[in-house]
Amino acid sequence: MAGTKMLKLPEVLDEIGMSRAAFYRMRARGQAPRLRKLPNGQVRVSRADLDVWWERCEQQAA
């Protein structure tokens, strides 16, 4: 994870155009990018995980 850009959840939600509630519904179904919880309780999504998730979405839409 060293050197990997970590995005705050609001940044991710803005990029994917989704509400927090919709994101967590997708997460409950195992369809959202992986969340990583920091020791201080905040959550982040790695840029790499988000990019992989975008790729999967594009492949499923094709």
PDB file of N, CA and C in Angstrom:
ATOM      1  N   MET A   1       0.829  -1.191   0.000  1.00  0.00           N
ATOM      2  CA  MET A   1       0.000   0.000   0.000  1.00  0.00           C
ATOM      3  C   MET A   1       0.870   1.249   0.000  1.00  0.00           C
ATOM      4  N   ALA A   2       2.123   1.096   0.323  1.00  0.00           N
ATOM      5  CA  ALA A   2       3.024   2.248   0.326  1.00  0.00           C
ATOM      6  C   ALA A   2       3.080   2.863  -1.064  1.00  0.00           C
ATOM      7  N   GLY A   3       2.937   4.180  -1.112  1.00  0.00           N
ATOM      8  CA  GLY A   3       2.985   4.867  -2.392  1.00  0.00           C
ATOM      9  C   GLY A   3       1.663   4.885  -3.135  1.00  0.00           C
ATOM     10  N   THR A   4       0.665   4.174  -2.629  1.00  0.00           N
ATOM     11  CA  THR A   4      -0.640   4.143  -3.266  1.00  0.00           C
ATOM     12  C   THR A   4      -1.464   5.324  -2.783  1.00  0.00           C
ATOM     13  N   LYS A   5      -2.025   6.067  -3.705  1.00  0.00           N
ATOM     14  CA  LYS A   5      -2.888   7.203  -3.362  1.00  0.00           C
ATOM     15  C   LYS A   5      -4.144   6.670  -2.685  1.00  0.00           C
ATOM     16  N   MET A   6      -4.458   7.224  -1.539  1.00  0.00           N
ATOM     17  CA  MET A   6      -5.654   6.830  -0.808  1.00  0.00           C
ATOM     18  C   MET A   6      -6.673   7.965  -0.879  1.00  0.00           C
ATOM     19  N   LEU A   7      -7.874   7.627  -1.308  1.00  0.00           N
ATOM     20  CA  LEU A   7      -8.931   8.616  -1.496  1.00  0.00           C
ATOM     21  C   LEU A   7      -9.917   8.575  -0.336  1.00  0.00           C
ATOM     22  N   LYS A   8     -10.369   9.746   0.072  1.00  0.00           N
ATOM     23  CA  LYS A   8     -11.419   9.825   1.088  1.00  0.00           C
ATOM     24  C   LYS A   8     -12.735   9.426   0.437  1.00  0.00           C
ATOM     25  N   LEU A   9     -13.647   8.894   1.245  1.00  0.00           N
ATOM     26  CA  LEU A   9     -14.923   8.429   0.708  1.00  0.00           C
ATOM     27  C   LEU A   9     -15.676   9.533  -0.055  1.00  0.00           C
ATOM     28  N   PRO A  10     -15.742  10.781   0.434  1.00  0.00           N
ATOM     29  CA  PRO A  10     -16.429  11.813  -0.348  1.00  0.00           C
ATOM     30  C   PRO A  10     -15.802  12.028  -1.734  1.00  0.00           C
ATOM     31  N   GLU A  11     -14.483  11.877  -1.836  1.00  0.00           N
ATOM     32  CA  GLU A  11     -13.816  11.994  -3.140  1.00  0.00           C
ATOM     33  C   GLU A  11     -14.266  10.875  -4.072  1.00  0.00           C
ATOM     34  N   VAL A  12     -14.354   9.668  -3.531  1.00  0.00           N
ATOM     35  CA  VAL A  12     -14.787   8.506  -4.323  1.00  0.00           C
ATOM     36  C   VAL A  12     -16.233   8.699  -4.767  1.00  0.00           C
ATOM     37  N   LEU A  13     -17.094   9.094  -3.836  1.00  0.00           N
ATOM     38  CA  LEU A  13     -18.515   9.276  -4.154  1.00  0.00           C
ATOM     39  C   LEU A  13     -18.698  10.338  -5.230  1.00  0.00           C
ATOM     40  N   ASP A  14     -17.911  11.407  -5.153  1.00  0.00           N
ATOM     41  CA  ASP A  14     -17.983  12.463  -6.156  1.00  0.00           C
ATOM     42  C   ASP A  14     -17.547  11.929  -7.525  1.00  0.00           C
ATOM     43  N   GLU A  15     -16.472  11.167  -7.542  1.00  0.00           N
ATOM     44  CA  GLU A  15     -15.970  10.635  -8.815  1.00  0.00           C
ATOM     45  C   GLU A  15     -16.948   9.659  -9.466  1.00  0.00           C
ATOM     46  N   ILE A  16     -17.568   8.808  -8.663  1.00  0.00           N
ATOM     47  CA  ILE A  16     -18.463   7.802  -9.251  1.00  0.00           C
ATOM     48  C   ILE A  16     -19.907   8.297  -9.343  1.00  0.00           C
ATOM     49  N   GLY A  17     -20.184   9.476  -8.783  1.00  0.00           N
ATOM     50  CA  GLY A  17     -21.520  10.056  -8.887  1.00  0.00           C
ATOM     51  C   GLY A  17     -22.573   9.256  -8.144  1.00  0.00           C
ATOM     52  N   MET A  18     -22.257   8.914  -6.911  1.00  0.00           N
ATOM     53  CA  MET A  18     -23.150   8.054  -6.139  1.00  0.00           C
ATOM     54  C   MET A  18     -23.298   8.599  -4.721  1.00  0.00           C
ATOM     55  N   SER A  19     -24.454   8.372  -4.139  1.00  0.00           N
ATOM     56  CA  SER A  19     -24.664   8.785  -2.751  1.00  0.00           C
ATOM     57  C   SER A  19     -23.983   7.789  -1.814  1.00  0.00           C
ATOM     58  N   ARG A  20     -23.755   8.241  -0.597  1.00  0.00           N
ATOM     59  CA  ARG A  20     -23.152   7.371   0.416  1.00  0.00           C
ATOM     60  C   ARG A  20     -24.034   6.140   0.654  1.00  0.00           C
ATOM     61  N   ALA A  21     -25.347   6.344   0.729  1.00  0.00           N
ATOM     62  CA  ALA A  21     -26.269   5.225   0.979  1.00  0.00           C
ATOM     63  C   ALA A  21     -26.207   4.197  -0.155  1.00  0.00           C
ATOM     64  N   ALA A  22     -26.190   4.672  -1.394  1.00  0.00           N
ATOM     65  CA  ALA A  22     -26.119   3.757  -2.538  1.00  0.00           C
ATOM     66  C   ALA A  22     -24.787   3.015  -2.544  1.00  0.00           C
ATOM     67  N   PHE A  23     -23.711   3.713  -2.192  1.00  0.00           N
ATOM     68  CA  PHE A  23     -22.395   3.076  -2.129  1.00  0.00           C
ATOM     69  C   PHE A  23     -22.401   1.941  -1.110  1.00  0.00           C
ATOM     70  N   TYR A  24     -22.951   2.200   0.069  1.00  0.00           N
ATOM     71  CA  TYR A  24     -22.961   1.166   1.105  1.00  0.00           C
ATOM     72  C   TYR A  24     -23.902   0.010   0.750  1.00  0.00           C
ATOM     73  N   ARG A  25     -24.969   0.286   0.001  1.00  0.00           N
ATOM     74  CA  ARG A  25     -25.822  -0.818  -0.488  1.00  0.00           C
ATOM     75  C   ARG A  25     -25.025  -1.700  -1.444  1.00  0.00           C
ATOM     76  N   MET A  26     -24.278  -1.073  -2.365  1.00  0.00           N
ATOM     77  CA  MET A  26     -23.434  -1.837  -3.282  1.00  0.00           C
ATOM     78  C   MET A  26     -22.373  -2.614  -2.515  1.00  0.00           C
ATOM     79  N   ARG A  27     -21.814  -1.984  -1.508  1.00  0.00           N
ATOM     80  CA  ARG A  27     -20.782  -2.641  -0.700  1.00  0.00           C
ATOM     81  C   ARG A  27     -21.351  -3.874  -0.005  1.00  0.00           C
ATOM     82  N   ALA A  28     -22.579  -3.773   0.502  1.00  0.00           N
ATOM     83  CA  ALA A  28     -23.222  -4.917   1.163  1.00  0.00           C
ATOM     84  C   ALA A  28     -23.414  -6.081   0.196  1.00  0.00           C
ATOM     85  N   ARG A  29     -23.573  -5.771  -1.089  1.00  0.00           N
ATOM     86  CA  ARG A  29     -23.722  -6.816  -2.119  1.00  0.00           C
ATOM     87  C   ARG A  29     -22.372  -7.263  -2.678  1.00  0.00           C
ATOM     88  N   GLY A  30     -21.290  -6.697  -2.167  1.00  0.00           N
ATOM     89  CA  GLY A  30     -19.957  -7.053  -2.646  1.00  0.00           C
ATOM     90  C   GLY A  30     -19.630  -6.468  -4.001  1.00  0.00           C
ATOM     91  N   GLN A  31     -20.257  -5.334  -4.350  1.00  0.00           N
ATOM     92  CA  GLN A  31     -20.095  -4.744  -5.674  1.00  0.00           C
ATOM     93  C   GLN A  31     -19.401  -3.387  -5.661  1.00  0.00           C
ATOM     94  N   ALA A  32     -18.833  -3.009  -4.534  1.00  0.00           N
ATOM     95  CA  ALA A  32     -18.182  -1.699  -4.423  1.00  0.00           C
ATOM     96  C   ALA A  32     -16.677  -1.878  -4.251  1.00  0.00           C
ATOM     97  N   PRO A  33     -15.913  -0.829  -4.533  1.00  0.00           N
ATOM     98  CA  PRO A  33     -14.473  -0.910  -4.283  1.00  0.00           C
ATOM     99  C   PRO A  33     -14.199  -1.176  -2.800  1.00  0.00           C
ATOM    100  N   ARG A  34     -13.096  -1.812  -2.543  1.00  0.00           N
ATOM    101  CA  ARG A  34     -12.727  -2.167  -1.174  1.00  0.00           C
ATOM    102  C   ARG A  34     -12.451  -0.928  -0.326  1.00  0.00           C
ATOM    103  N   LEU A  35     -13.023  -0.897   0.866  1.00  0.00           N
ATOM    104  CA  LEU A  35     -12.761   0.164   1.833  1.00  0.00           C
ATOM    105  C   LEU A  35     -11.660  -0.286   2.768  1.00  0.00           C
ATOM    106  N   ARG A  36     -10.786   0.628   3.118  1.00  0.00           N
ATOM    107  CA  ARG A  36      -9.729   0.340   4.086  1.00  0.00           C
ATOM    108  C   ARG A  36      -9.918   1.269   5.274  1.00  0.00           C
ATOM    109  N   LYS A  37     -10.029   0.678   6.448  1.00  0.00           N
ATOM    110  CA  LYS A  37     -10.242   1.472   7.656  1.00  0.00           C
ATOM    111  C   LYS A  37      -8.894   1.811   8.276  1.00  0.00           C
ATOM    112  N   LEU A  38      -8.688   3.085   8.516  1.00  0.00           N
ATOM    113  CA  LEU A  38      -7.449   3.561   9.130  1.00  0.00           C
ATOM    114  C   LEU A  38      -7.536   3.404  10.651  1.00  0.00           C
ATOM    115  N   PRO A  39      -6.404   3.400  11.333  1.00  0.00           N
ATOM    116  CA  PRO A  39      -6.416   3.273  12.801  1.00  0.00           C
ATOM    117  C   PRO A  39      -7.263   4.339  13.501  1.00  0.00           C
ATOM    118  N   ASN A  40      -7.411   5.516  12.880  1.00  0.00           N
ATOM    119  CA  ASN A  40      -8.216   6.579  13.503  1.00  0.00           C
ATOM    120  C   ASN A  40      -9.708   6.432  13.196  1.00  0.00           C
ATOM    121  N   GLY A  41     -10.093   5.357  12.495  1.00  0.00           N
ATOM    122  CA  GLY A  41     -11.501   5.090  12.210  1.00  0.00           C
ATOM    123  C   GLY A  41     -11.980   5.618  10.865  1.00  0.00           C
ATOM    124  N   GLN A  42     -11.188   6.463  10.212  1.00  0.00           N
ATOM    125  CA  GLN A  42     -11.576   6.962   8.900  1.00  0.00           C
ATOM    126  C   GLN A  42     -11.420   5.868   7.861  1.00  0.00           C
ATOM    127  N   VAL A  43     -12.182   5.985   6.778  1.00  0.00           N
ATOM    128  CA  VAL A  43     -12.075   4.993   5.709  1.00  0.00           C
ATOM    129  C   VAL A  43     -11.496   5.637   4.457  1.00  0.00           C
ATOM    130  N   ARG A  44     -10.786   4.830   3.689  1.00  0.00           N
ATOM    131  CA  ARG A  44     -10.177   5.261   2.439  1.00  0.00           C
ATOM    132  C   ARG A  44     -10.365   4.166   1.402  1.00  0.00           C
ATOM    133  N   VAL A  45     -10.286   4.569   0.148  1.00  0.00           N
ATOM    134  CA  VAL A  45     -10.277   3.640  -0.983  1.00  0.00           C
ATOM    135  C   VAL A  45      -8.992   3.919  -1.742  1.00  0.00           C
ATOM    136  N   SER A  46      -8.244   2.868  -2.044  1.00  0.00           N
ATOM    137  CA  SER A  46      -7.008   3.110  -2.794  1.00  0.00           C
ATOM    138  C   SER A  46      -7.364   3.436  -4.241  1.00  0.00           C
ATOM    139  N   ARG A  47      -6.562   4.291  -4.835  1.00  0.00           N
ATOM    140  CA  ARG A  47      -6.742   4.663  -6.244  1.00  0.00           C
ATOM    141  C   ARG A  47      -6.712   3.408  -7.112  1.00  0.00           C
ATOM    142  N   ALA A  48      -5.803   2.481  -6.794  1.00  0.00           N
ATOM    143  CA  ALA A  48      -5.681   1.244  -7.571  1.00  0.00           C
ATOM    144  C   ALA A  48      -6.959   0.408  -7.479  1.00  0.00           C
ATOM    145  N   ASP A  49      -7.530   0.275  -6.276  1.00  0.00           N
ATOM    146  CA  ASP A  49      -8.770  -0.487  -6.111  1.00  0.00           C
ATOM    147  C   ASP A  49      -9.911   0.166  -6.879  1.00  0.00           C
ATOM    148  N   LEU A  50      -9.976   1.500  -6.848  1.00  0.00           N
ATOM    149  CA  LEU A  50     -11.036   2.202  -7.565  1.00  0.00           C
ATOM    150  C   LEU A  50     -10.890   2.022  -9.075  1.00  0.00           C
ATOM    151  N   ASP A  51      -9.656   2.085  -9.562  1.00  0.00           N
ATOM    152  CA  ASP A  51      -9.419   1.880 -10.998  1.00  0.00           C
ATOM    153  C   ASP A  51      -9.806   0.475 -11.441  1.00  0.00           C
ATOM    154  N   VAL A  52      -9.485  -0.530 -10.627  1.00  0.00           N
ATOM    155  CA  VAL A  52      -9.873  -1.917 -10.940  1.00  0.00           C
ATOM    156  C   VAL A  52     -11.395  -2.034 -10.954  1.00  0.00           C
ATOM    157  N   TRP A  53     -12.047  -1.398  -9.994  1.00  0.00           N
ATOM    158  CA  TRP A  53     -13.508  -1.435  -9.926  1.00  0.00           C
ATOM    159  C   TRP A  53     -14.127  -0.808 -11.185  1.00  0.00           C
ATOM    160  N   TRP A  54     -13.568   0.356 -11.627  1.00  0.00           N
ATOM    161  CA  TRP A  54     -14.048   1.006 -12.860  1.00  0.00           C
ATOM    162  C   TRP A  54     -13.909   0.056 -14.048  1.00  0.00           C
ATOM    163  N   GLU A  55     -12.759  -0.617 -14.144  1.00  0.00           N
ATOM    164  CA  GLU A  55     -12.524  -1.569 -15.243  1.00  0.00           C
ATOM    165  C   GLU A  55     -13.576  -2.670 -15.243  1.00  0.00           C
ATOM    166  N   ARG A  56     -13.857  -3.214 -14.063  1.00  0.00           N
ATOM    167  CA  ARG A  56     -14.877  -4.271 -13.948  1.00  0.00           C
ATOM    168  C   ARG A  56     -16.238  -3.755 -14.387  1.00  0.00           C
ATOM    169  N   CYS A  57     -16.583  -2.542 -13.990  1.00  0.00           N
ATOM    170  CA  CYS A  57     -17.866  -1.951 -14.391  1.00  0.00           C
ATOM    171  C   CYS A  57     -17.960  -1.826 -15.901  1.00  0.00           C
ATOM    172  N   GLU A  58     -16.870  -1.375 -16.538  1.00  0.00           N
ATOM    173  CA  GLU A  58     -16.853  -1.212 -17.993  1.00  0.00           C
ATOM    174  C   GLU A  58     -16.991  -2.557 -18.685  1.00  0.00           C
ATOM    175  N   GLN A  59     -16.320  -3.584 -18.178  1.00  0.00           N
ATOM    176  CA  GLN A  59     -16.392  -4.916 -18.786  1.00  0.00           C
ATOM    177  C   GLN A  59     -17.794  -5.490 -18.662  1.00  0.00           C
ATOM    178  N   GLN A  60     -18.445  -5.281 -17.524  1.00  0.00           N
ATOM    179  CA  GLN A  60     -19.797  -5.802 -17.319  1.00  0.00           C
ATOM    180  C   GLN A  60     -20.808  -5.065 -18.188  1.00  0.00           C
ATOM    181  N   ALA A  61     -20.537  -3.807 -18.492  1.00  0.00           N
ATOM    182  CA  ALA A  61     -21.470  -3.009 -19.314  1.00  0.00           C
ATOM    183  C   ALA A  61     -21.331  -3.337 -20.794  1.00  0.00           C
ATOM    184  N   ALA A  62     -20.210  -3.918 -21.189  1.00  0.00           N
ATOM    185  CA  ALA A  62     -19.963  -4.196 -22.616  1.00  0.00           C
ATOM    186  C   ALA A  62     -20.735  -5.413 -23.085  1.00  0.00           C
TER     187      ALA A  62
END
